[in-house]
Amino acid sequence: LRDAVGNQRPTGLTNPPLEFNLPNKRGTVTMARWEDPNSGEGEFFINLGDSPHLDKSGNSGWALGFTVFGEVADEQGLQVAERMTGLPTTVQGGLKMLIEPVVMESVTMM
């Protein structure tokens, strides 16, 4: 597994457990992954609206849902995330992504 910039991720790390079972609501930070629930490598996304279709609805594959592991601290942070939606994007391998990466200069564990 690799982190978001391609560096090898240390072995023994696992993704946040699906057992958190927190709803994908506006402002939550969610682990990105493929159909394999342990395929998340370092990418995440911020829900800009309630996304119940990303919550657990079954016991395998996509139906396991996407793990919420954090939230944007305040409305100012959400406004920054919303402004990012206006940045230029491209499609690579069928996936829409930003042309230039966005760098978070600080993250606080609360």
Protein backbone atom coordinates (compact mmCIF):
# COMPACT_ATOMS: atom_id res chain seq x y z
CA LEU A 1 0.00 0.00 0.00
CA ARG A 2 1.10 3.56 -0.67
CA ASP A 3 0.24 6.92 0.86
CA ALA A 4 -1.30 9.79 -1.06
CA VAL A 5 2.02 10.89 -2.62
CA GLY A 6 3.15 7.38 -3.57
CA ASN A 7 5.44 6.54 -0.65
CA GLN A 8 5.31 2.97 0.61
CA ARG A 9 3.00 2.78 3.63
CA PRO A 10 4.43 0.93 6.67
CA THR A 11 3.24 -2.65 6.96
CA GLY A 12 0.83 -3.60 9.71
CA LEU A 13 -1.41 -0.55 9.31
CA THR A 14 -5.08 -1.11 8.66
CA ASN A 15 -7.81 1.19 7.47
CA PRO A 16 -10.15 2.76 10.01
CA PRO A 17 -12.59 0.00 10.94
CA LEU A 18 -15.95 -0.12 9.21
CA GLU A 19 -17.38 -0.76 12.67
CA PHE A 20 -17.27 2.99 13.31
CA ASN A 21 -20.58 2.95 11.40
CA LEU A 22 -20.91 6.74 11.45
CA PRO A 23 -23.24 8.31 8.87
CA ASN A 24 -21.79 10.10 5.84
CA LYS A 25 -23.25 13.52 6.63
CA ARG A 26 -22.25 16.99 5.46
CA GLY A 27 -18.83 17.89 6.82
CA THR A 28 -17.66 14.35 7.56
CA VAL A 29 -14.28 13.06 6.36
CA THR A 30 -14.49 9.62 4.78
CA MET A 31 -11.89 7.05 3.69
CA ALA A 32 -11.77 6.51 -0.08
CA ARG A 33 -11.46 2.89 -1.22
CA TRP A 34 -12.24 0.39 -3.97
CA GLU A 35 -14.70 -2.48 -3.61
CA ASP A 36 -12.31 -4.30 -1.25
CA PRO A 37 -13.00 -2.70 2.16
CA ASN A 38 -9.26 -2.79 2.97
CA SER A 39 -8.15 -1.08 -0.24
CA GLY A 40 -7.98 2.49 1.12
CA GLU A 41 -4.43 3.77 0.93
CA GLY A 42 -4.34 7.40 2.01
CA GLU A 43 -7.03 9.19 0.06
CA PHE A 44 -10.12 10.59 1.64
CA PHE A 45 -12.95 12.90 0.76
CA ILE A 46 -15.08 15.49 2.51
CA ASN A 47 -18.83 15.07 2.22
CA LEU A 48 -20.26 18.43 1.13
CA GLY A 49 -23.80 17.12 1.57
CA ASP A 50 -25.49 14.23 3.33
CA SER A 51 -24.51 11.03 1.48
CA PRO A 52 -26.59 8.15 2.88
CA HIS A 53 -25.80 6.06 -0.23
CA LEU A 54 -22.26 5.76 1.20
CA ASP A 55 -23.46 4.29 4.51
CA LYS A 56 -23.42 0.56 5.24
CA SER A 57 -26.29 -1.29 3.58
CA GLY A 58 -24.97 -4.88 3.52
CA ASN A 59 -22.10 -7.19 4.47
CA SER A 60 -19.76 -7.26 1.49
CA GLY A 61 -18.10 -5.10 -1.16
CA TRP A 62 -19.57 -1.66 -1.78
CA ALA A 63 -22.50 -2.43 0.55
CA LEU A 64 -20.12 -2.27 3.53
CA GLY A 65 -20.16 1.49 3.05
CA PHE A 66 -17.38 4.01 3.49
CA THR A 67 -15.76 4.67 6.87
CA VAL A 68 -16.26 8.13 8.38
CA PHE A 69 -13.22 8.91 10.53
CA GLY A 70 -13.40 12.65 11.07
CA GLU A 71 -15.22 15.87 10.44
CA VAL A 72 -14.47 19.41 9.32
CA ALA A 73 -14.24 21.48 12.50
CA ASP A 74 -16.36 24.49 11.54
CA GLU A 75 -18.31 26.32 8.84
CA GLN A 76 -15.18 28.21 7.74
CA GLY A 77 -13.48 24.89 6.98
CA LEU A 78 -16.53 23.72 5.04
CA GLN A 79 -16.45 26.92 2.99
CA VAL A 80 -12.83 26.17 2.05
CA ALA A 81 -13.83 22.63 1.00
CA GLU A 82 -16.70 24.00 -1.07
CA ARG A 83 -14.35 26.44 -2.85
CA MET A 84 -12.21 23.46 -3.89
CA THR A 85 -15.11 22.19 -6.01
CA GLY A 86 -14.43 25.08 -8.40
CA LEU A 87 -10.84 24.02 -9.11
CA PRO A 88 -9.99 22.61 -12.55
CA THR A 89 -10.28 18.83 -12.96
CA THR A 90 -9.34 16.14 -15.46
CA VAL A 91 -10.31 12.51 -15.98
CA GLN A 92 -7.66 9.81 -15.67
CA GLY A 93 -8.50 6.12 -15.80
CA GLY A 94 -12.19 6.97 -15.64
CA LEU A 95 -11.77 8.92 -12.40
CA LYS A 96 -12.33 12.67 -12.08
CA MET A 97 -9.50 14.35 -10.18
CA LEU A 98 -7.95 17.74 -9.57
CA ILE A 99 -5.31 18.85 -12.07
CA GLU A 100 -3.20 20.38 -9.28
CA PRO A 101 -3.16 18.76 -5.84
CA VAL A 102 -4.59 20.58 -2.83
CA VAL A 103 -2.24 20.53 0.16
CA MET A 104 -3.52 20.72 3.72
CA GLU A 105 -1.06 22.72 5.75
CA SER A 106 -2.43 21.63 9.09
CA VAL A 107 -4.76 19.02 10.53
CA THR A 108 -5.75 18.90 14.19
CA MET A 109 -6.77 15.82 16.12
CA MET A 110 -9.53 16.76 18.53
